Amino acid sequence: MLARLGLLLYVLLCIVPLALGLGYVAVYSLGLIGLLNHGFTTVHWQAVLQDKAFWQSLGFSLYCAFSSMSIILITASALLMALRQQLSRGYLSYFIYFPLVLPTLVAAFICFQLWSKSGFISRLFFQIGLLPNLEAFPELVNDPWGLGIIFTHAFMATPFFTLLFLQLYQSEKIQALQNLALTLGATPGQTWRKVALPILWQKSFFSIFLYFIFIMGAYETPLLLGRQSPQMVAPLIIRKLQKFNLQDIPQAYAITTAYLLLLMGVAIAVLRNLKTRAV
């Protein structure tokens, strides 16, 4: 009884509002409702799909998410390999896990204050004579490659995945499997490449996928550390919603609908693949 009640509350509080919001956005983008609606139309969808900025934004979001997750997985795996004993106890664990307590906007602000041309690092380099002037410092935030966005997401999520890998390493008894591989003639490096890391990444695949989606849809970090062009998807949507041209509002809703449908399609494909592998 309690389980059914909990499921009902979850559907009413989470699924229904989400479905209604998605439905409203989709209907608005088709011109059926809204301030300037004139009936069903696909004009707004055609404008979005033919807009170069939309495809650049989608590609840039994929690039930032893929780059961030690559750095996160490599760094978290390296920390586990080098410091797995120290991570379980001592002050080192508190130091590494500190970014977990920072809100996204605070982490982005810290990155901006550290790595911008007028930030702490550039001023430090200038004071010790490594730079002739502050303008000589490379663009690491508000840059066309999204380096500040990628670094901030890696900084925030690496502790989480390090902790996740540590728990999986212990629960899956990977140390015993590595010892077995050593007795069969494998080198220590091979036990990590062929045994430990494949198990860790496979067991945490769902978490990796969810955080990949989170980075793609991030708003605060690219808003503070990104450029007007290219923009990630969320800042592009908000910019169109906040413009004075009311014709941009249906386009913003069309971008939102297209982005959500794309994510839903990818999520369904991934879940089916995971279910097939499990069987």
C-alpha atoms as a PDB file:
ATOM      1  CA  MET A   1       0.000   0.000   0.000  1.00  0.00           C
ATOM      2  CA  LEU A   2       2.757   2.447   0.960  1.00  0.00           C
ATOM      3  CA  ALA A   3       4.702   1.552  -2.177  1.00  0.00           C
ATOM      4  CA  ARG A   4       1.683   2.312  -4.379  1.00  0.00           C
ATOM      5  CA  LEU A   5       1.060   5.570  -2.549  1.00  0.00           C
ATOM      6  CA  GLY A   6       4.694   6.574  -2.992  1.00  0.00           C
ATOM      7  CA  LEU A   7       4.528   5.747  -6.696  1.00  0.00           C
ATOM      8  CA  LEU A   8       1.325   7.772  -7.052  1.00  0.00           C
ATOM      9  CA  LEU A   9       2.883  10.789  -5.329  1.00  0.00           C
ATOM     10  CA  TYR A  10       5.961  10.510  -7.533  1.00  0.00           C
ATOM     11  CA  VAL A  11       3.818  10.463 -10.680  1.00  0.00           C
ATOM     12  CA  LEU A  12       1.677  13.398  -9.506  1.00  0.00           C
ATOM     13  CA  LEU A  13       4.563  15.551  -8.286  1.00  0.00           C
ATOM     14  CA  CYS A  14       7.220  14.710 -10.889  1.00  0.00           C
ATOM     15  CA  ILE A  15       5.930  12.991 -14.027  1.00  0.00           C
ATOM     16  CA  VAL A  16       2.662  14.893 -14.511  1.00  0.00           C
ATOM     17  CA  PRO A  17       4.140  18.433 -14.191  1.00  0.00           C
ATOM     18  CA  LEU A  18       7.005  17.455 -16.495  1.00  0.00           C
ATOM     19  CA  ALA A  19       4.617  16.011 -19.082  1.00  0.00           C
ATOM     20  CA  LEU A  20       2.333  19.061 -18.889  1.00  0.00           C
ATOM     21  CA  GLY A  21       5.298  21.410 -19.262  1.00  0.00           C
ATOM     22  CA  LEU A  22       6.635  19.502 -22.265  1.00  0.00           C
ATOM     23  CA  GLY A  23       3.156  19.470 -23.805  1.00  0.00           C
ATOM     24  CA  TYR A  24       2.749  23.224 -23.317  1.00  0.00           C
ATOM     25  CA  VAL A  25       6.147  23.918 -24.862  1.00  0.00           C
ATOM     26  CA  ALA A  26       5.443  21.661 -27.851  1.00  0.00           C
ATOM     27  CA  VAL A  27       1.977  23.156 -28.481  1.00  0.00           C
ATOM     28  CA  TYR A  28       3.340  26.695 -28.178  1.00  0.00           C
ATOM     29  CA  SER A  29       6.085  25.952 -30.710  1.00  0.00           C
ATOM     30  CA  LEU A  30       3.428  24.788 -33.193  1.00  0.00           C
ATOM     31  CA  GLY A  31       1.492  28.055 -32.933  1.00  0.00           C
ATOM     32  CA  LEU A  32      -1.609  26.591 -31.275  1.00  0.00           C
ATOM     33  CA  ILE A  33      -1.304  28.849 -28.213  1.00  0.00           C
ATOM     34  CA  GLY A  34       0.634  32.002 -27.392  1.00  0.00           C
ATOM     35  CA  LEU A  35       0.465  35.746 -27.789  1.00  0.00           C
ATOM     36  CA  LEU A  36       0.913  35.780 -31.561  1.00  0.00           C
ATOM     37  CA  ASN A  37      -0.615  32.431 -32.472  1.00  0.00           C
ATOM     38  CA  HIS A  38      -2.546  32.108 -35.733  1.00  0.00           C
ATOM     39  CA  GLY A  39      -3.249  28.403 -35.653  1.00  0.00           C
ATOM     40  CA  PHE A  40      -1.151  25.362 -36.432  1.00  0.00           C
ATOM     41  CA  THR A  41       2.132  26.168 -38.162  1.00  0.00           C
ATOM     42  CA  THR A  42       5.581  24.688 -38.590  1.00  0.00           C
ATOM     43  CA  VAL A  43       7.200  28.023 -39.412  1.00  0.00           C
ATOM     44  CA  HIS A  44       8.973  28.223 -36.059  1.00  0.00           C
ATOM     45  CA  TRP A  45      10.336  24.689 -36.396  1.00  0.00           C
ATOM     46  CA  GLN A  46      11.555  25.431 -39.910  1.00  0.00           C
ATOM     47  CA  ALA A  47      13.296  28.574 -38.665  1.00  0.00           C
ATOM     48  CA  VAL A  48      15.027  26.612 -35.891  1.00  0.00           C
ATOM     49  CA  LEU A  49      16.101  23.683 -38.051  1.00  0.00           C
ATOM     50  CA  GLN A  50      17.470  26.049 -40.689  1.00  0.00           C
ATOM     51  CA  ASP A  51      19.249  28.201 -38.117  1.00  0.00           C
ATOM     52  CA  LYS A  52      23.003  27.609 -38.075  1.00  0.00           C
ATOM     53  CA  ALA A  53      23.202  28.839 -34.466  1.00  0.00           C
ATOM     54  CA  PHE A  54      20.996  25.959 -33.265  1.00  0.00           C
ATOM     55  CA  TRP A  55      23.227  23.270 -34.772  1.00  0.00           C
ATOM     56  CA  GLN A  56      26.363  25.039 -33.550  1.00  0.00           C
ATOM     57  CA  SER A  57      24.878  25.204 -30.063  1.00  0.00           C
ATOM     58  CA  LEU A  58      23.971  21.518 -30.109  1.00  0.00           C
ATOM     59  CA  GLY A  59      27.425  20.552 -31.365  1.00  0.00           C
ATOM     60  CA  PHE A  60      29.137  22.796 -28.829  1.00  0.00           C
ATOM     61  CA  SER A  61      27.081  21.257 -26.001  1.00  0.00           C
ATOM     62  CA  LEU A  62      28.060  17.758 -27.124  1.00  0.00           C
ATOM     63  CA  TYR A  63      31.706  18.806 -27.340  1.00  0.00           C
ATOM     64  CA  CYS A  64      31.727  20.321 -23.835  1.00  0.00           C
ATOM     65  CA  ALA A  65      29.949  17.317 -22.328  1.00  0.00           C
ATOM     66  CA  PHE A  66      32.218  14.782 -24.038  1.00  0.00           C
ATOM     67  CA  SER A  67      35.403  16.684 -23.171  1.00  0.00           C
ATOM     68  CA  SER A  68      34.347  17.186 -19.553  1.00  0.00           C
ATOM     69  CA  MET A  69      33.395  13.531 -19.061  1.00  0.00           C
ATOM     70  CA  SER A  70      36.655  12.356 -20.649  1.00  0.00           C
ATOM     71  CA  ILE A  71      38.701  14.472 -18.232  1.00  0.00           C
ATOM     72  CA  ILE A  72      36.527  13.416 -15.289  1.00  0.00           C
ATOM     73  CA  LEU A  73      36.843   9.688 -15.991  1.00  0.00           C
ATOM     74  CA  ILE A  74      40.578   9.812 -16.651  1.00  0.00           C
ATOM     75  CA  THR A  75      41.295  11.925 -13.557  1.00  0.00           C
ATOM     76  CA  ALA A  76      39.020   9.936 -11.249  1.00  0.00           C
ATOM     77  CA  SER A  77      40.533   6.661 -12.456  1.00  0.00           C
ATOM     78  CA  ALA A  78      44.066   8.006 -11.982  1.00  0.00           C
ATOM     79  CA  LEU A  79      43.256   9.185  -8.443  1.00  0.00           C
ATOM     80  CA  LEU A  80      41.834   5.772  -7.604  1.00  0.00           C
ATOM     81  CA  MET A  81      44.869   3.978  -9.004  1.00  0.00           C
ATOM     82  CA  ALA A  82      47.363   6.176  -7.174  1.00  0.00           C
ATOM     83  CA  LEU A  83      45.611   7.012  -3.912  1.00  0.00           C
ATOM     84  CA  ARG A  84      42.958   4.375  -3.233  1.00  0.00           C
ATOM     85  CA  GLN A  85      44.350   3.622   0.233  1.00  0.00           C
ATOM     86  CA  GLN A  86      44.578   7.291   1.244  1.00  0.00           C
ATOM     87  CA  LEU A  87      41.130   8.129  -0.166  1.00  0.00           C
ATOM     88  CA  SER A  88      39.440   5.906   2.396  1.00  0.00           C
ATOM     89  CA  ARG A  89      40.854   7.788   5.361  1.00  0.00           C
ATOM     90  CA  GLY A  90      42.852  10.840   6.407  1.00  0.00           C
ATOM     91  CA  TYR A  91      42.800  14.506   5.492  1.00  0.00           C
ATOM     92  CA  LEU A  92      43.484  13.845   1.814  1.00  0.00           C
ATOM     93  CA  SER A  93      39.950  12.547   1.341  1.00  0.00           C
ATOM     94  CA  TYR A  94      38.481  15.779   2.739  1.00  0.00           C
ATOM     95  CA  PHE A  95      40.668  17.853   0.423  1.00  0.00           C
ATOM     96  CA  ILE A  96      39.739  15.909  -2.718  1.00  0.00           C
ATOM     97  CA  TYR A  97      36.027  15.797  -1.934  1.00  0.00           C
ATOM     98  CA  PHE A  98      35.795  19.519  -1.087  1.00  0.00           C
ATOM     99  CA  PRO A  99      34.372  20.553  -4.530  1.00  0.00           C
ATOM    100  CA  LEU A 100      31.281  18.431  -3.797  1.00  0.00           C
ATOM    101  CA  VAL A 101      30.013  21.084  -1.355  1.00  0.00           C
ATOM    102  CA  LEU A 102      30.218  23.929  -3.895  1.00  0.00           C
ATOM    103  CA  PRO A 103      27.112  25.037  -5.830  1.00  0.00           C
ATOM    104  CA  THR A 104      27.536  25.194  -9.596  1.00  0.00           C
ATOM    105  CA  LEU A 105      27.407  28.985  -9.761  1.00  0.00           C
ATOM    106  CA  VAL A 106      29.996  29.327  -6.984  1.00  0.00           C
ATOM    107  CA  ALA A 107      32.373  26.931  -8.748  1.00  0.00           C
ATOM    108  CA  ALA A 108      31.974  28.857 -12.008  1.00  0.00           C
ATOM    109  CA  PHE A 109      32.627  32.146 -10.204  1.00  0.00           C
ATOM    110  CA  ILE A 110      35.782  30.713  -8.583  1.00  0.00           C
ATOM    111  CA  CYS A 111      37.014  29.563 -12.000  1.00  0.00           C
ATOM    112  CA  PHE A 112      36.356  33.015 -13.443  1.00  0.00           C
ATOM    113  CA  GLN A 113      38.216  34.759 -10.612  1.00  0.00           C
ATOM    114  CA  LEU A 114      41.174  32.399 -10.963  1.00  0.00           C
ATOM    115  CA  TRP A 115      41.639  31.999 -14.703  1.00  0.00           C
ATOM    116  CA  SER A 116      40.336  35.126 -16.412  1.00  0.00           C
ATOM    117  CA  LYS A 117      42.765  37.673 -17.867  1.00  0.00           C
ATOM    118  CA  SER A 118      42.199  39.871 -14.821  1.00  0.00           C
ATOM    119  CA  GLY A 119      42.050  36.970 -12.369  1.00  0.00           C
ATOM    120  CA  PHE A 120      44.311  35.826  -9.571  1.00  0.00           C
ATOM    121  CA  ILE A 121      46.575  33.540 -11.656  1.00  0.00           C
ATOM    122  CA  SER A 122      47.260  36.138 -14.362  1.00  0.00           C
ATOM    123  CA  ARG A 123      48.027  38.820 -11.769  1.00  0.00           C
ATOM    124  CA  LEU A 124      50.322  36.415  -9.921  1.00  0.00           C
ATOM    125  CA  PHE A 125      52.223  35.584 -13.116  1.00  0.00           C
ATOM    126  CA  PHE A 126      52.481  39.288 -13.914  1.00  0.00           C
ATOM    127  CA  GLN A 127      53.818  40.150 -10.463  1.00  0.00           C
ATOM    128  CA  ILE A 128      56.548  37.500 -10.588  1.00  0.00           C
ATOM    129  CA  GLY A 129      57.574  38.565 -14.089  1.00  0.00           C
ATOM    130  CA  LEU A 130      56.252  35.667 -16.176  1.00  0.00           C
ATOM    131  CA  LEU A 131      53.944  37.958 -18.182  1.00  0.00           C
ATOM    132  CA  PRO A 132      54.746  41.350 -19.752  1.00  0.00           C
ATOM    133  CA  ASN A 133      51.116  42.425 -19.207  1.00  0.00           C
ATOM    134  CA  LEU A 134      47.757  40.924 -18.267  1.00  0.00           C
ATOM    135  CA  GLU A 135      46.627  40.768 -21.897  1.00  0.00           C
ATOM    136  CA  ALA A 136      49.389  38.221 -22.592  1.00  0.00           C
ATOM    137  CA  PHE A 137      47.617  35.673 -20.389  1.00  0.00           C
ATOM    138  CA  PRO A 138      45.832  33.070 -22.561  1.00  0.00           C
ATOM    139  CA  GLU A 139      42.044  33.040 -22.814  1.00  0.00           C
ATOM    140  CA  LEU A 140      40.915  30.288 -20.460  1.00  0.00           C
ATOM    141  CA  VAL A 141      37.426  31.643 -19.737  1.00  0.00           C
ATOM    142  CA  ASN A 142      34.940  33.191 -22.179  1.00  0.00           C
ATOM    143  CA  ASP A 143      36.987  31.478 -24.875  1.00  0.00           C
ATOM    144  CA  PRO A 144      35.719  29.886 -28.115  1.00  0.00           C
ATOM    145  CA  TRP A 145      36.799  26.400 -26.981  1.00  0.00           C
ATOM    146  CA  GLY A 146      34.827  26.384 -23.726  1.00  0.00           C
ATOM    147  CA  LEU A 147      37.906  25.648 -21.630  1.00  0.00           C
ATOM    148  CA  GLY A 148      36.489  27.365 -18.546  1.00  0.00           C
ATOM    149  CA  ILE A 149      33.218  25.427 -18.847  1.00  0.00           C
ATOM    150  CA  ILE A 150      35.031  22.109 -19.250  1.00  0.00           C
ATOM    151  CA  PHE A 151      37.449  22.776 -16.388  1.00  0.00           C
ATOM    152  CA  THR A 152      34.662  23.796 -13.998  1.00  0.00           C
ATOM    153  CA  HIS A 153      32.568  20.700 -14.676  1.00  0.00           C
ATOM    154  CA  ALA A 154      35.648  18.494 -14.333  1.00  0.00           C
ATOM    155  CA  PHE A 155      36.562  20.226 -11.070  1.00  0.00           C
ATOM    156  CA  MET A 156      33.076  19.674  -9.637  1.00  0.00           C
ATOM    157  CA  ALA A 157      32.413  16.099 -10.757  1.00  0.00           C
ATOM    158  CA  THR A 158      35.814  14.410 -10.428  1.00  0.00           C
ATOM    159  CA  PRO A 159      35.441  13.953  -6.618  1.00  0.00           C
ATOM    160  CA  PHE A 160      32.022  12.343  -7.076  1.00  0.00           C
ATOM    161  CA  PHE A 161      33.255   9.828  -9.635  1.00  0.00           C
ATOM    162  CA  THR A 162      36.375   9.166  -7.570  1.00  0.00           C
ATOM    163  CA  LEU A 163      34.161   8.290  -4.611  1.00  0.00           C
ATOM    164  CA  LEU A 164      31.876   6.212  -6.841  1.00  0.00           C
ATOM    165  CA  PHE A 165      34.826   4.288  -8.301  1.00  0.00           C
ATOM    166  CA  LEU A 166      36.234   3.699  -4.812  1.00  0.00           C
ATOM    167  CA  GLN A 167      32.955   2.216  -3.602  1.00  0.00           C
ATOM    168  CA  LEU A 168      32.657   0.026  -6.695  1.00  0.00           C
ATOM    169  CA  TYR A 169      36.276  -1.060  -6.342  1.00  0.00           C
ATOM    170  CA  GLN A 170      35.514  -2.330  -2.856  1.00  0.00           C
ATOM    171  CA  SER A 171      32.019  -3.762  -3.459  1.00  0.00           C
ATOM    172  CA  GLU A 172      32.974  -5.594  -6.672  1.00  0.00           C
ATOM    173  CA  LYS A 173      36.131  -7.018  -5.029  1.00  0.00           C
ATOM    174  CA  ILE A 174      38.251  -5.791  -7.909  1.00  0.00           C
ATOM    175  CA  GLN A 175      41.440  -6.110  -5.860  1.00  0.00           C
ATOM    176  CA  ALA A 176      40.897  -9.878  -5.688  1.00  0.00           C
ATOM    177  CA  LEU A 177      40.344 -10.019  -9.444  1.00  0.00           C
ATOM    178  CA  GLN A 178      43.542  -8.066 -10.032  1.00  0.00           C
ATOM    179  CA  ASN A 179      45.472 -10.435  -7.777  1.00  0.00           C
ATOM    180  CA  LEU A 180      44.091 -13.361  -9.742  1.00  0.00           C
ATOM    181  CA  ALA A 181      45.186 -11.730 -12.998  1.00  0.00           C
ATOM    182  CA  LEU A 182      48.672 -11.231 -11.541  1.00  0.00           C
ATOM    183  CA  THR A 183      48.948 -14.930 -10.714  1.00  0.00           C
ATOM    184  CA  LEU A 184      48.020 -15.710 -14.341  1.00  0.00           C
ATOM    185  CA  GLY A 185      50.898 -13.617 -15.641  1.00  0.00           C
ATOM    186  CA  ALA A 186      49.406 -10.149 -16.152  1.00  0.00           C
ATOM    187  CA  THR A 187      51.407  -7.047 -15.312  1.00  0.00           C
ATOM    188  CA  PRO A 188      50.088  -4.485 -12.782  1.00  0.00           C
ATOM    189  CA  GLY A 189      49.299  -2.096 -15.616  1.00  0.00           C
ATOM    190  CA  GLN A 190      47.351  -4.763 -17.488  1.00  0.00           C
ATOM    191  CA  THR A 191      45.271  -5.564 -14.399  1.00  0.00           C
ATOM    192  CA  TRP A 192      44.067  -1.960 -14.416  1.00  0.00           C
ATOM    193  CA  ARG A 193      43.539  -1.640 -18.178  1.00  0.00           C
ATOM    194  CA  LYS A 194      42.011  -5.086 -18.746  1.00  0.00           C
ATOM    195  CA  VAL A 195      40.274  -5.797 -15.421  1.00  0.00           C
ATOM    196  CA  ALA A 196      39.668  -2.865 -13.089  1.00  0.00           C
ATOM    197  CA  LEU A 197      38.819   0.046 -15.384  1.00  0.00           C
ATOM    198  CA  PRO A 198      36.422  -1.876 -17.680  1.00  0.00           C
ATOM    199  CA  ILE A 199      34.481  -3.095 -14.636  1.00  0.00           C
ATOM    200  CA  LEU A 200      34.389   0.358 -13.021  1.00  0.00           C
ATOM    201  CA  TRP A 201      33.247   2.150 -16.175  1.00  0.00           C
ATOM    202  CA  GLN A 202      30.684  -0.492 -17.052  1.00  0.00           C
ATOM    203  CA  LYS A 203      29.160  -0.560 -13.566  1.00  0.00           C
ATOM    204  CA  SER A 204      28.982   3.243 -13.436  1.00  0.00           C
ATOM    205  CA  PHE A 205      27.780   3.692 -17.026  1.00  0.00           C
ATOM    206  CA  PHE A 206      24.327   4.931 -16.017  1.00  0.00           C
ATOM    207  CA  SER A 207      25.805   7.596 -13.721  1.00  0.00           C
ATOM    208  CA  ILE A 208      28.221   8.632 -16.471  1.00  0.00           C
ATOM    209  CA  PHE A 209      25.365   8.935 -18.949  1.00  0.00           C
ATOM    210  CA  LEU A 210      23.209  10.988 -16.564  1.00  0.00           C
ATOM    211  CA  TYR A 211      26.025  13.409 -15.798  1.00  0.00           C
ATOM    212  CA  PHE A 212      26.765  13.708 -19.513  1.00  0.00           C
ATOM    213  CA  ILE A 213      23.164  14.852 -20.016  1.00  0.00           C
ATOM    214  CA  PHE A 214      23.479  17.209 -17.041  1.00  0.00           C
ATOM    215  CA  ILE A 215      26.522  18.906 -18.584  1.00  0.00           C
ATOM    216  CA  MET A 216      24.783  19.242 -21.947  1.00  0.00           C
ATOM    217  CA  GLY A 217      21.867  21.032 -20.293  1.00  0.00           C
ATOM    218  CA  ALA A 218      23.921  23.173 -17.911  1.00  0.00           C
ATOM    219  CA  TYR A 219      23.018  26.852 -17.693  1.00  0.00           C
ATOM    220  CA  GLU A 220      24.921  28.732 -14.958  1.00  0.00           C
ATOM    221  CA  THR A 221      28.434  27.616 -15.920  1.00  0.00           C
ATOM    222  CA  PRO A 222      28.231  28.385 -19.669  1.00  0.00           C
ATOM    223  CA  LEU A 223      26.362  31.625 -18.909  1.00  0.00           C
ATOM    224  CA  LEU A 224      29.248  32.936 -16.790  1.00  0.00           C
ATOM    225  CA  LEU A 225      32.208  31.299 -18.522  1.00  0.00           C
ATOM    226  CA  GLY A 226      31.014  31.011 -22.119  1.00  0.00           C
ATOM    227  CA  ARG A 227      30.625  33.340 -25.087  1.00  0.00           C
ATOM    228  CA  GLN A 228      27.633  34.656 -26.984  1.00  0.00           C
ATOM    229  CA  SER A 229      28.722  32.474 -29.883  1.00  0.00           C
ATOM    230  CA  PRO A 230      28.947  29.558 -29.768  1.00  0.00           C
ATOM    231  CA  GLN A 231      26.535  29.017 -26.888  1.00  0.00           C
ATOM    232  CA  MET A 232      25.403  25.851 -25.211  1.00  0.00           C
ATOM    233  CA  VAL A 233      21.745  24.855 -25.591  1.00  0.00           C
ATOM    234  CA  ALA A 234      20.350  26.207 -22.300  1.00  0.00           C
ATOM    235  CA  PRO A 235      21.810  29.756 -22.615  1.00  0.00           C
ATOM    236  CA  LEU A 236      20.609  29.866 -26.243  1.00  0.00           C
ATOM    237  CA  ILE A 237      17.058  29.007 -25.169  1.00  0.00           C
ATOM    238  CA  ILE A 238      17.029  31.573 -22.355  1.00  0.00           C
ATOM    239  CA  ARG A 239      18.464  34.274 -24.650  1.00  0.00           C
ATOM    240  CA  LYS A 240      15.646  33.747 -27.145  1.00  0.00           C
ATOM    241  CA  LEU A 241      13.033  33.732 -24.380  1.00  0.00           C
ATOM    242  CA  GLN A 242      14.287  37.023 -22.932  1.00  0.00           C
ATOM    243  CA  LYS A 243      14.558  38.959 -26.190  1.00  0.00           C
ATOM    244  CA  PHE A 244      12.021  41.673 -26.922  1.00  0.00           C
ATOM    245  CA  ASN A 245      11.042  40.047 -30.219  1.00  0.00           C
ATOM    246  CA  LEU A 246       8.008  37.898 -29.364  1.00  0.00           C
ATOM    247  CA  GLN A 247       8.586  35.810 -32.505  1.00  0.00           C
ATOM    248  CA  ASP A 248      11.664  34.322 -30.816  1.00  0.00           C
ATOM    249  CA  ILE A 249       9.607  32.796 -27.993  1.00  0.00           C
ATOM    250  CA  PRO A 250       8.051  30.029 -30.155  1.00  0.00           C
ATOM    251  CA  GLN A 251      11.521  29.347 -31.564  1.00  0.00           C
ATOM    252  CA  ALA A 252      12.895  28.981 -28.044  1.00  0.00           C
ATOM    253  CA  TYR A 253      10.131  26.484 -27.271  1.00  0.00           C
ATOM    254  CA  ALA A 254      10.853  24.640 -30.527  1.00  0.00           C
ATOM    255  CA  ILE A 255      14.533  24.350 -29.556  1.00  0.00           C
ATOM    256  CA  THR A 256      13.492  23.091 -26.102  1.00  0.00           C
ATOM    257  CA  THR A 257      11.162  20.488 -27.608  1.00  0.00           C
ATOM    258  CA  ALA A 258      13.729  19.311 -30.158  1.00  0.00           C
ATOM    259  CA  TYR A 259      16.416  19.062 -27.478  1.00  0.00           C
ATOM    260  CA  LEU A 260      14.169  17.113 -25.087  1.00  0.00           C
ATOM    261  CA  LEU A 261      13.021  14.737 -27.817  1.00  0.00           C
ATOM    262  CA  LEU A 262      16.647  14.131 -28.786  1.00  0.00           C
ATOM    263  CA  LEU A 263      17.607  13.355 -25.187  1.00  0.00           C
ATOM    264  CA  MET A 264      14.585  11.102 -24.714  1.00  0.00           C
ATOM    265  CA  GLY A 265      15.459   9.183 -27.858  1.00  0.00           C
ATOM    266  CA  VAL A 266      19.055   8.730 -26.790  1.00  0.00           C
ATOM    267  CA  ALA A 267      18.001   7.722 -23.260  1.00  0.00           C
ATOM    268  CA  ILE A 268      15.560   5.110 -24.585  1.00  0.00           C
ATOM    269  CA  ALA A 269      18.221   3.692 -26.905  1.00  0.00           C
ATOM    270  CA  VAL A 270      20.757   3.517 -24.072  1.00  0.00           C
ATOM    271  CA  LEU A 271      18.306   1.846 -21.679  1.00  0.00           C
ATOM    272  CA  ARG A 272      17.346  -0.730 -24.306  1.00  0.00           C
ATOM    273  CA  ASN A 273      21.010  -1.446 -24.938  1.00  0.00           C
ATOM    274  CA  LEU A 274      21.645  -1.902 -21.218  1.00  0.00           C
ATOM    275  CA  LYS A 275      18.618  -4.197 -20.911  1.00  0.00           C
ATOM    276  CA  THR A 276      19.778  -6.274 -23.884  1.00  0.00           C
ATOM    277  CA  ARG A 277      23.254  -6.659 -22.364  1.00  0.00           C
ATOM    278  CA  ALA A 278      21.757  -7.665 -19.031  1.00  0.00           C
ATOM    279  CA  VAL A 279      19.717 -10.405 -20.694  1.00  0.00           C
END
